[in-house]
Amino acid sequence: MKTKIVVDSSSNLYELPGAEFACVPLKIVTDEQEYLDDGHLDAVGMAQTLRDYKGKTTTSCPNVADWLAAYEGAEQVFAVTITGTLSGSYNAALLAAEEYKADHPEARVFVLDSLSAGPECRLLAERLQQLVERGMDFDAVCEEILAYKKHTHLLFSLESLANLARNGRVKPAVAAVARMLGIRVIGRASESGELEVLCKTRGEHGALERIVLEMKAGGFTNGKVHIAHCGNPEAAKRLKLMLHAVFEGAQVDVSECGGLCSYYAELGGLMVGYEENQ
């Protein structure tokens, strides 16, 4: 039975070696240009351009047809989307699932709202691959991934909140104050999928220390950590070293944000997905 794992591009995951896999791209749209987050986009270059751009910017989620194309050919599909509070991707994936099952009565499709983005979505996709490789049946995989989701988390450190403010995710006044004072914002994806600000700190080192403390408070002792950065590899590497120093056995890797995450994290931003001890 052909099983496929499908994500949208908020996961920063464009291939999953060893698995039947598809990534459905989101778009970043300005008055002058459209950026397709398909894994070939120069995300840092886009973020640099948008830093000085004065026009309107927004994001566009995949439509039902995009998701249907990604499901095609599979008898079992496990899909993971960006949080439904930031995008209509989850709803489009659900509608596509119903249409796909109507056209393929033997097929089964499970769509998971990650209530998150970026590296936490990547953790979920990788766990799905592990479960499928174990030969578990469809219902068992669904049950296991929902249980695993309760033990995964997303933290972020941002230098700028401009694009979040433009799209109504934070108040413009908060974004302006953060920019003027050189404050980094530390936050997380809440249980309801909202972007929740935890604290504000001056200086990057303080921000990295706070991420480590938040992970410890969140139950992390060892296991997988995915750090994604937007044009800030040095901070990502420093955070990796700090995590290895504090958490023996932590499995940490560093990668670049894709287009969608670079749009929201902006230049200098870090996103950290991790699994707490189970």
C-alpha atoms as a PDB file:
ATOM      1  CA  MET A   1       0.000   0.000   0.000  1.00  0.00           C
ATOM      2  CA  LYS A   2       1.557   3.291  -1.106  1.00  0.00           C
ATOM      3  CA  THR A   3       1.849   5.709   1.794  1.00  0.00           C
ATOM      4  CA  LYS A   4       2.757   9.345   1.333  1.00  0.00           C
ATOM      5  CA  ILE A   5       3.839  12.022   3.789  1.00  0.00           C
ATOM      6  CA  VAL A   6       2.861  15.527   2.723  1.00  0.00           C
ATOM      7  CA  VAL A   7       3.745  18.863   4.325  1.00  0.00           C
ATOM      8  CA  ASP A   8       3.413  22.489   3.368  1.00  0.00           C
ATOM      9  CA  SER A   9       6.540  24.584   2.989  1.00  0.00           C
ATOM     10  CA  SER A  10       6.194  26.170   6.436  1.00  0.00           C
ATOM     11  CA  SER A  11       8.066  23.059   7.615  1.00  0.00           C
ATOM     12  CA  ASN A  12      11.307  24.131   5.871  1.00  0.00           C
ATOM     13  CA  LEU A  13      11.334  20.524   4.648  1.00  0.00           C
ATOM     14  CA  TYR A  14      11.485  20.050   0.887  1.00  0.00           C
ATOM     15  CA  GLU A  15      12.607  16.432   0.729  1.00  0.00           C
ATOM     16  CA  LEU A  16      12.427  13.444   3.054  1.00  0.00           C
ATOM     17  CA  PRO A  17      14.880  10.785   1.867  1.00  0.00           C
ATOM     18  CA  GLY A  18      13.549   7.253   2.028  1.00  0.00           C
ATOM     19  CA  ALA A  19       9.890   8.283   2.072  1.00  0.00           C
ATOM     20  CA  GLU A  20       7.175   8.916  -0.502  1.00  0.00           C
ATOM     21  CA  PHE A  21       6.980  12.638   0.115  1.00  0.00           C
ATOM     22  CA  ALA A  22       5.614  15.911  -1.208  1.00  0.00           C
ATOM     23  CA  CYS A  23       5.946  19.529  -0.097  1.00  0.00           C
ATOM     24  CA  VAL A  24       3.182  21.954  -1.031  1.00  0.00           C
ATOM     25  CA  PRO A  25       4.543  25.510  -1.380  1.00  0.00           C
ATOM     26  CA  LEU A  26       3.144  28.651   0.167  1.00  0.00           C
ATOM     27  CA  LYS A  27       3.743  32.035  -1.438  1.00  0.00           C
ATOM     28  CA  ILE A  28       4.959  35.396  -0.216  1.00  0.00           C
ATOM     29  CA  VAL A  29       3.299  38.175  -2.188  1.00  0.00           C
ATOM     30  CA  THR A  30       4.139  41.867  -2.561  1.00  0.00           C
ATOM     31  CA  ASP A  31       2.702  44.546  -4.825  1.00  0.00           C
ATOM     32  CA  GLU A  32       5.645  43.983  -7.168  1.00  0.00           C
ATOM     33  CA  GLN A  33       6.648  40.336  -6.883  1.00  0.00           C
ATOM     34  CA  GLU A  34       5.516  36.840  -5.894  1.00  0.00           C
ATOM     35  CA  TYR A  35       7.902  34.435  -4.156  1.00  0.00           C
ATOM     36  CA  LEU A  36       7.184  30.712  -4.386  1.00  0.00           C
ATOM     37  CA  ASP A  37       8.471  28.788  -1.378  1.00  0.00           C
ATOM     38  CA  ASP A  38       9.404  25.667  -3.315  1.00  0.00           C
ATOM     39  CA  GLY A  39      12.853  24.927  -1.919  1.00  0.00           C
ATOM     40  CA  HIS A  40      14.636  26.833  -4.692  1.00  0.00           C
ATOM     41  CA  LEU A  41      13.892  30.302  -3.340  1.00  0.00           C
ATOM     42  CA  ASP A  42      16.737  32.481  -2.044  1.00  0.00           C
ATOM     43  CA  ALA A  43      14.971  33.043   1.278  1.00  0.00           C
ATOM     44  CA  VAL A  44      17.665  35.267   2.787  1.00  0.00           C
ATOM     45  CA  GLY A  45      17.762  37.389  -0.363  1.00  0.00           C
ATOM     46  CA  MET A  46      13.982  37.744  -0.154  1.00  0.00           C
ATOM     47  CA  ALA A  47      14.188  38.736   3.520  1.00  0.00           C
ATOM     48  CA  GLN A  48      16.855  41.341   2.717  1.00  0.00           C
ATOM     49  CA  THR A  49      14.677  42.801  -0.041  1.00  0.00           C
ATOM     50  CA  LEU A  50      11.587  42.897   2.154  1.00  0.00           C
ATOM     51  CA  ARG A  51      13.436  44.558   5.044  1.00  0.00           C
ATOM     52  CA  ASP A  52      13.467  47.832   3.093  1.00  0.00           C
ATOM     53  CA  TYR A  53      10.258  47.287   1.147  1.00  0.00           C
ATOM     54  CA  LYS A  54       7.586  49.883   1.944  1.00  0.00           C
ATOM     55  CA  GLY A  55       4.647  48.324   0.093  1.00  0.00           C
ATOM     56  CA  LYS A  56       2.117  45.750   1.202  1.00  0.00           C
ATOM     57  CA  THR A  57       3.263  42.185   1.803  1.00  0.00           C
ATOM     58  CA  THR A  58       1.268  39.086   2.627  1.00  0.00           C
ATOM     59  CA  THR A  59       1.336  35.303   2.331  1.00  0.00           C
ATOM     60  CA  SER A  60      -0.806  32.984   0.260  1.00  0.00           C
ATOM     61  CA  CYS A  61      -1.623  29.434   1.294  1.00  0.00           C
ATOM     62  CA  PRO A  62      -1.820  26.431  -1.054  1.00  0.00           C
ATOM     63  CA  ASN A  63      -5.240  25.852  -2.562  1.00  0.00           C
ATOM     64  CA  VAL A  64      -7.234  22.626  -2.673  1.00  0.00           C
ATOM     65  CA  ALA A  65      -5.853  21.713  -6.100  1.00  0.00           C
ATOM     66  CA  ASP A  66      -2.287  22.041  -4.793  1.00  0.00           C
ATOM     67  CA  TRP A  67      -2.993  19.602  -1.982  1.00  0.00           C
ATOM     68  CA  LEU A  68      -4.841  17.209  -4.287  1.00  0.00           C
ATOM     69  CA  ALA A  69      -1.851  17.087  -6.601  1.00  0.00           C
ATOM     70  CA  ALA A  70       0.379  16.255  -3.632  1.00  0.00           C
ATOM     71  CA  TYR A  71      -1.916  13.413  -2.492  1.00  0.00           C
ATOM     72  CA  GLU A  72      -2.120  11.887  -5.969  1.00  0.00           C
ATOM     73  CA  GLY A  73      -1.087   8.265  -6.318  1.00  0.00           C
ATOM     74  CA  ALA A  74      -1.229   7.393  -2.625  1.00  0.00           C
ATOM     75  CA  GLU A  75      -3.559   5.001  -0.846  1.00  0.00           C
ATOM     76  CA  GLN A  76      -2.615   6.405   2.543  1.00  0.00           C
ATOM     77  CA  VAL A  77      -1.695  10.043   3.181  1.00  0.00           C
ATOM     78  CA  PHE A  78      -0.405  11.701   6.321  1.00  0.00           C
ATOM     79  CA  ALA A  79      -0.322  15.494   5.978  1.00  0.00           C
ATOM     80  CA  VAL A  80       1.095  18.149   8.309  1.00  0.00           C
ATOM     81  CA  THR A  81       0.249  21.848   7.956  1.00  0.00           C
ATOM     82  CA  ILE A  82       1.234  25.159   9.462  1.00  0.00           C
ATOM     83  CA  THR A  83      -0.954  26.278  12.352  1.00  0.00           C
ATOM     84  CA  GLY A  84      -4.446  27.156  11.244  1.00  0.00           C
ATOM     85  CA  THR A  85      -4.247  30.471  13.124  1.00  0.00           C
ATOM     86  CA  LEU A  86      -1.635  31.784  10.657  1.00  0.00           C
ATOM     87  CA  SER A  87      -2.844  30.292   7.388  1.00  0.00           C
ATOM     88  CA  GLY A  88      -5.705  28.635   5.554  1.00  0.00           C
ATOM     89  CA  SER A  89      -3.409  25.780   4.572  1.00  0.00           C
ATOM     90  CA  TYR A  90      -4.975  23.370   7.080  1.00  0.00           C
ATOM     91  CA  ASN A  91      -8.507  24.006   5.831  1.00  0.00           C
ATOM     92  CA  ALA A  92      -7.408  23.601   2.214  1.00  0.00           C
ATOM     93  CA  ALA A  93      -5.687  20.323   3.076  1.00  0.00           C
ATOM     94  CA  LEU A  94      -8.852  19.068   4.794  1.00  0.00           C
ATOM     95  CA  LEU A  95     -11.065  19.979   1.837  1.00  0.00           C
ATOM     96  CA  ALA A  96      -8.614  18.274  -0.499  1.00  0.00           C
ATOM     97  CA  ALA A  97      -8.693  15.167   1.711  1.00  0.00           C
ATOM     98  CA  GLU A  98     -12.464  14.930   1.398  1.00  0.00           C
ATOM     99  CA  GLU A  99     -12.319  15.383  -2.362  1.00  0.00           C
ATOM    100  CA  TYR A 100      -9.498  12.866  -2.716  1.00  0.00           C
ATOM    101  CA  LYS A 101     -11.390  10.249  -0.704  1.00  0.00           C
ATOM    102  CA  ALA A 102     -14.518  10.857  -2.770  1.00  0.00           C
ATOM    103  CA  ASP A 103     -12.530  10.138  -5.942  1.00  0.00           C
ATOM    104  CA  HIS A 104     -10.555   7.287  -4.351  1.00  0.00           C
ATOM    105  CA  PRO A 105     -12.940   5.465  -1.977  1.00  0.00           C
ATOM    106  CA  GLU A 106     -10.201   3.070  -0.862  1.00  0.00           C
ATOM    107  CA  ALA A 107      -7.849   5.873   0.179  1.00  0.00           C
ATOM    108  CA  ARG A 108      -7.355   7.194   3.699  1.00  0.00           C
ATOM    109  CA  VAL A 109      -6.081  10.687   4.484  1.00  0.00           C
ATOM    110  CA  PHE A 110      -5.112  12.148   7.854  1.00  0.00           C
ATOM    111  CA  VAL A 111      -4.442  15.886   8.140  1.00  0.00           C
ATOM    112  CA  LEU A 112      -2.689  17.224  11.230  1.00  0.00           C
ATOM    113  CA  ASP A 113      -2.803  20.893  12.165  1.00  0.00           C
ATOM    114  CA  SER A 114       0.650  21.276  13.708  1.00  0.00           C
ATOM    115  CA  LEU A 115      -0.491  24.341  15.699  1.00  0.00           C
ATOM    116  CA  SER A 116       3.045  25.453  14.899  1.00  0.00           C
ATOM    117  CA  ALA A 117       5.478  26.012  12.039  1.00  0.00           C
ATOM    118  CA  GLY A 118       9.021  25.440  10.889  1.00  0.00           C
ATOM    119  CA  PRO A 119      11.181  22.966  12.792  1.00  0.00           C
ATOM    120  CA  GLU A 120       8.336  21.577  14.896  1.00  0.00           C
ATOM    121  CA  CYS A 121       6.532  20.583  11.698  1.00  0.00           C
ATOM    122  CA  ARG A 122       9.743  18.919  10.557  1.00  0.00           C
ATOM    123  CA  LEU A 123       9.842  16.872  13.777  1.00  0.00           C
ATOM    124  CA  LEU A 124       6.293  15.693  13.114  1.00  0.00           C
ATOM    125  CA  ALA A 125       7.062  14.691   9.525  1.00  0.00           C
ATOM    126  CA  GLU A 126      10.160  12.779  10.595  1.00  0.00           C
ATOM    127  CA  ARG A 127       8.221  10.933  13.285  1.00  0.00           C
ATOM    128  CA  LEU A 128       5.559  10.023  10.728  1.00  0.00           C
ATOM    129  CA  GLN A 129       8.280   8.528   8.554  1.00  0.00           C
ATOM    130  CA  GLN A 130       9.513   6.430  11.479  1.00  0.00           C
ATOM    131  CA  LEU A 131       6.018   5.174  12.267  1.00  0.00           C
ATOM    132  CA  VAL A 132       5.310   4.257   8.650  1.00  0.00           C
ATOM    133  CA  GLU A 133       8.637   2.439   8.380  1.00  0.00           C
ATOM    134  CA  ARG A 134       7.679   0.325  11.395  1.00  0.00           C
ATOM    135  CA  GLY A 135       4.790  -1.039   9.373  1.00  0.00           C
ATOM    136  CA  MET A 136       2.106   0.329  11.688  1.00  0.00           C
ATOM    137  CA  ASP A 137      -1.435   0.472  10.353  1.00  0.00           C
ATOM    138  CA  PHE A 138      -3.135   3.756   9.478  1.00  0.00           C
ATOM    139  CA  ASP A 139      -5.112   4.210  12.701  1.00  0.00           C
ATOM    140  CA  ALA A 140      -2.112   3.355  14.862  1.00  0.00           C
ATOM    141  CA  VAL A 141       0.030   5.949  13.067  1.00  0.00           C
ATOM    142  CA  CYS A 142      -2.670   8.590  13.612  1.00  0.00           C
ATOM    143  CA  GLU A 143      -2.887   7.748  17.300  1.00  0.00           C
ATOM    144  CA  GLU A 144       0.888   7.770  17.753  1.00  0.00           C
ATOM    145  CA  ILE A 145       1.492  11.060  15.955  1.00  0.00           C
ATOM    146  CA  LEU A 146      -1.207  12.796  18.012  1.00  0.00           C
ATOM    147  CA  ALA A 147       0.448  11.508  21.183  1.00  0.00           C
ATOM    148  CA  TYR A 148       3.870  12.643  19.971  1.00  0.00           C
ATOM    149  CA  LYS A 149       2.510  16.106  19.102  1.00  0.00           C
ATOM    150  CA  LYS A 150       1.835  16.679  22.818  1.00  0.00           C
ATOM    151  CA  HIS A 151       5.580  16.443  23.448  1.00  0.00           C
ATOM    152  CA  THR A 152       6.895  18.723  20.712  1.00  0.00           C
ATOM    153  CA  HIS A 153       7.381  22.483  20.998  1.00  0.00           C
ATOM    154  CA  LEU A 154       8.482  25.567  19.084  1.00  0.00           C
ATOM    155  CA  LEU A 155      10.443  28.529  20.438  1.00  0.00           C
ATOM    156  CA  PHE A 156      11.568  31.546  18.457  1.00  0.00           C
ATOM    157  CA  SER A 157      13.850  34.562  18.836  1.00  0.00           C
ATOM    158  CA  LEU A 158      13.138  37.501  16.544  1.00  0.00           C
ATOM    159  CA  GLU A 159      14.980  40.745  15.839  1.00  0.00           C
ATOM    160  CA  SER A 160      12.044  42.255  13.972  1.00  0.00           C
ATOM    161  CA  LEU A 161       8.273  41.941  14.203  1.00  0.00           C
ATOM    162  CA  ALA A 162       7.530  44.072  11.147  1.00  0.00           C
ATOM    163  CA  ASN A 163       5.952  41.374   8.964  1.00  0.00           C
ATOM    164  CA  LEU A 164       4.013  39.883  11.866  1.00  0.00           C
ATOM    165  CA  ALA A 165       2.633  43.370  12.537  1.00  0.00           C
ATOM    166  CA  ARG A 166       1.783  43.930   8.859  1.00  0.00           C
ATOM    167  CA  ASN A 167      -0.303  40.772   8.885  1.00  0.00           C
ATOM    168  CA  GLY A 168      -2.075  41.455  12.162  1.00  0.00           C
ATOM    169  CA  ARG A 169      -0.191  38.879  14.260  1.00  0.00           C
ATOM    170  CA  VAL A 170       1.180  41.449  16.712  1.00  0.00           C
ATOM    171  CA  LYS A 171       0.297  45.072  17.405  1.00  0.00           C
ATOM    172  CA  PRO A 172       2.217  47.599  15.243  1.00  0.00           C
ATOM    173  CA  ALA A 173       3.143  49.594  18.354  1.00  0.00           C
ATOM    174  CA  VAL A 174       4.853  46.552  19.869  1.00  0.00           C
ATOM    175  CA  ALA A 175       6.838  45.990  16.683  1.00  0.00           C
ATOM    176  CA  ALA A 176       7.889  49.653  16.543  1.00  0.00           C
ATOM    177  CA  VAL A 177       9.091  49.713  20.156  1.00  0.00           C
ATOM    178  CA  ALA A 178      11.061  46.490  19.680  1.00  0.00           C
ATOM    179  CA  ARG A 179      12.776  47.962  16.607  1.00  0.00           C
ATOM    180  CA  MET A 180      13.660  51.271  18.281  1.00  0.00           C
ATOM    181  CA  LEU A 181      15.048  49.686  21.441  1.00  0.00           C
ATOM    182  CA  GLY A 182      16.948  46.868  19.728  1.00  0.00           C
ATOM    183  CA  ILE A 183      14.983  44.294  21.671  1.00  0.00           C
ATOM    184  CA  ARG A 184      14.811  40.629  20.717  1.00  0.00           C
ATOM    185  CA  VAL A 185      11.480  38.951  21.308  1.00  0.00           C
ATOM    186  CA  ILE A 186      11.397  35.404  22.679  1.00  0.00           C
ATOM    187  CA  GLY A 187       8.202  33.494  22.078  1.00  0.00           C
ATOM    188  CA  ARG A 188       6.599  30.141  21.451  1.00  0.00           C
ATOM    189  CA  ALA A 189       3.763  28.465  19.636  1.00  0.00           C
ATOM    190  CA  SER A 190       0.987  28.154  22.208  1.00  0.00           C
ATOM    191  CA  GLU A 191      -1.198  25.084  22.680  1.00  0.00           C
ATOM    192  CA  SER A 192      -3.867  26.789  20.583  1.00  0.00           C
ATOM    193  CA  GLY A 193      -1.430  27.567  17.756  1.00  0.00           C
ATOM    194  CA  GLU A 194      -1.024  31.264  18.477  1.00  0.00           C
ATOM    195  CA  LEU A 195       2.346  33.027  18.478  1.00  0.00           C
ATOM    196  CA  GLU A 196       2.817  33.852  22.148  1.00  0.00           C
ATOM    197  CA  VAL A 197       5.452  36.332  23.363  1.00  0.00           C
ATOM    198  CA  LEU A 198       7.250  35.063  26.463  1.00  0.00           C
ATOM    199  CA  CYS A 199       9.691  37.882  27.120  1.00  0.00           C
ATOM    200  CA  LYS A 200      11.851  40.587  25.581  1.00  0.00           C
ATOM    201  CA  THR A 201      15.606  40.743  25.988  1.00  0.00           C
ATOM    202  CA  ARG A 202      18.473  42.950  24.911  1.00  0.00           C
ATOM    203  CA  GLY A 203      21.343  41.315  23.087  1.00  0.00           C
ATOM    204  CA  GLU A 204      21.618  38.026  21.305  1.00  0.00           C
ATOM    205  CA  HIS A 205      23.464  36.136  24.029  1.00  0.00           C
ATOM    206  CA  GLY A 206      20.670  36.831  26.496  1.00  0.00           C
ATOM    207  CA  ALA A 207      18.156  35.594  23.941  1.00  0.00           C
ATOM    208  CA  LEU A 208      20.044  32.334  23.444  1.00  0.00           C
ATOM    209  CA  GLU A 209      20.325  31.795  27.188  1.00  0.00           C
ATOM    210  CA  ARG A 210      16.597  32.332  27.554  1.00  0.00           C
ATOM    211  CA  ILE A 211      15.861  29.741  24.857  1.00  0.00           C
ATOM    212  CA  VAL A 212      17.947  27.173  26.755  1.00  0.00           C
ATOM    213  CA  LEU A 213      16.113  27.996  29.997  1.00  0.00           C
ATOM    214  CA  GLU A 214      12.724  27.743  28.292  1.00  0.00           C
ATOM    215  CA  MET A 215      13.620  24.345  26.838  1.00  0.00           C
ATOM    216  CA  LYS A 216      14.686  23.095  30.257  1.00  0.00           C
ATOM    217  CA  ALA A 217      11.423  24.367  31.764  1.00  0.00           C
ATOM    218  CA  GLY A 218       9.553  22.745  28.882  1.00  0.00           C
ATOM    219  CA  GLY A 219      10.818  19.287  29.797  1.00  0.00           C
ATOM    220  CA  PHE A 220      13.724  18.869  27.406  1.00  0.00           C
ATOM    221  CA  THR A 221      16.523  16.623  28.659  1.00  0.00           C
ATOM    222  CA  ASN A 222      17.752  14.967  25.484  1.00  0.00           C
ATOM    223  CA  GLY A 223      16.433  14.055  22.067  1.00  0.00           C
ATOM    224  CA  LYS A 224      16.034  15.903  18.783  1.00  0.00           C
ATOM    225  CA  VAL A 225      16.364  19.647  18.336  1.00  0.00           C
ATOM    226  CA  HIS A 226      16.031  21.406  14.989  1.00  0.00           C
ATOM    227  CA  ILE A 227      17.354  24.984  14.849  1.00  0.00           C
ATOM    228  CA  ALA A 228      16.346  26.998  11.783  1.00  0.00           C
ATOM    229  CA  HIS A 229      17.757  30.473  11.151  1.00  0.00           C
ATOM    230  CA  CYS A 230      17.207  33.320   8.722  1.00  0.00           C
ATOM    231  CA  GLY A 231      20.614  34.659   7.757  1.00  0.00           C
ATOM    232  CA  ASN A 232      22.036  34.099  11.241  1.00  0.00           C
ATOM    233  CA  PRO A 233      24.207  30.965  11.137  1.00  0.00           C
ATOM    234  CA  GLU A 234      26.591  32.147  13.870  1.00  0.00           C
ATOM    235  CA  ALA A 235      23.830  32.493  16.465  1.00  0.00           C
ATOM    236  CA  ALA A 236      22.405  29.130  15.458  1.00  0.00           C
ATOM    237  CA  LYS A 237      25.821  27.493  15.918  1.00  0.00           C
ATOM    238  CA  ARG A 238      26.289  29.189  19.296  1.00  0.00           C
ATOM    239  CA  LEU A 239      22.909  27.924  20.426  1.00  0.00           C
ATOM    240  CA  LYS A 240      23.843  24.419  19.295  1.00  0.00           C
ATOM    241  CA  LEU A 241      27.029  24.543  21.385  1.00  0.00           C
ATOM    242  CA  MET A 242      25.098  25.842  24.402  1.00  0.00           C
ATOM    243  CA  LEU A 243      22.560  23.036  24.121  1.00  0.00           C
ATOM    244  CA  HIS A 244      25.267  20.383  23.888  1.00  0.00           C
ATOM    245  CA  ALA A 245      26.925  21.885  26.982  1.00  0.00           C
ATOM    246  CA  VAL A 246      23.712  21.791  29.032  1.00  0.00           C
ATOM    247  CA  PHE A 247      21.922  18.701  27.708  1.00  0.00           C
ATOM    248  CA  GLU A 248      24.042  15.605  27.326  1.00  0.00           C
ATOM    249  CA  GLY A 249      22.713  13.480  24.492  1.00  0.00           C
ATOM    250  CA  ALA A 250      20.890  16.295  22.703  1.00  0.00           C
ATOM    251  CA  GLN A 251      20.692  15.629  18.959  1.00  0.00           C
ATOM    252  CA  VAL A 252      20.924  19.116  17.496  1.00  0.00           C
ATOM    253  CA  ASP A 253      21.096  20.169  13.880  1.00  0.00           C
ATOM    254  CA  VAL A 254      21.096  23.552  12.180  1.00  0.00           C
ATOM    255  CA  SER A 255      19.428  24.494   8.911  1.00  0.00           C
ATOM    256  CA  GLU A 256      18.172  27.571   7.089  1.00  0.00           C
ATOM    257  CA  CYS A 257      14.591  28.791   7.158  1.00  0.00           C
ATOM    258  CA  GLY A 258      12.656  28.430   3.939  1.00  0.00           C
ATOM    259  CA  GLY A 259      10.687  31.247   2.380  1.00  0.00           C
ATOM    260  CA  LEU A 260       7.595  31.285   4.566  1.00  0.00           C
ATOM    261  CA  CYS A 261       9.520  31.031   7.836  1.00  0.00           C
ATOM    262  CA  SER A 262      12.040  33.630   6.640  1.00  0.00           C
ATOM    263  CA  TYR A 263       9.154  35.985   5.934  1.00  0.00           C
ATOM    264  CA  TYR A 264       7.838  35.781   9.495  1.00  0.00           C
ATOM    265  CA  ALA A 265      11.140  35.250  11.363  1.00  0.00           C
ATOM    266  CA  GLU A 266      12.880  37.965   9.278  1.00  0.00           C
ATOM    267  CA  LEU A 267      16.641  38.494   9.134  1.00  0.00           C
ATOM    268  CA  GLY A 268      18.402  37.328  12.285  1.00  0.00           C
ATOM    269  CA  GLY A 269      15.479  35.231  13.453  1.00  0.00           C
ATOM    270  CA  LEU A 270      15.830  31.785  15.019  1.00  0.00           C
ATOM    271  CA  MET A 271      13.230  29.032  15.292  1.00  0.00           C
ATOM    272  CA  VAL A 272      13.788  26.026  17.538  1.00  0.00           C
ATOM    273  CA  GLY A 273      11.711  22.851  17.396  1.00  0.00           C
ATOM    274  CA  TYR A 274      12.330  20.261  20.086  1.00  0.00           C
ATOM    275  CA  GLU A 275      10.848  17.166  21.650  1.00  0.00           C
ATOM    276  CA  GLU A 276      10.541  16.942  25.415  1.00  0.00           C
ATOM    277  CA  ASN A 277      11.561  13.823  27.285  1.00  0.00           C
ATOM    278  CA  GLN A 278       8.836  11.142  27.020  1.00  0.00           C
END
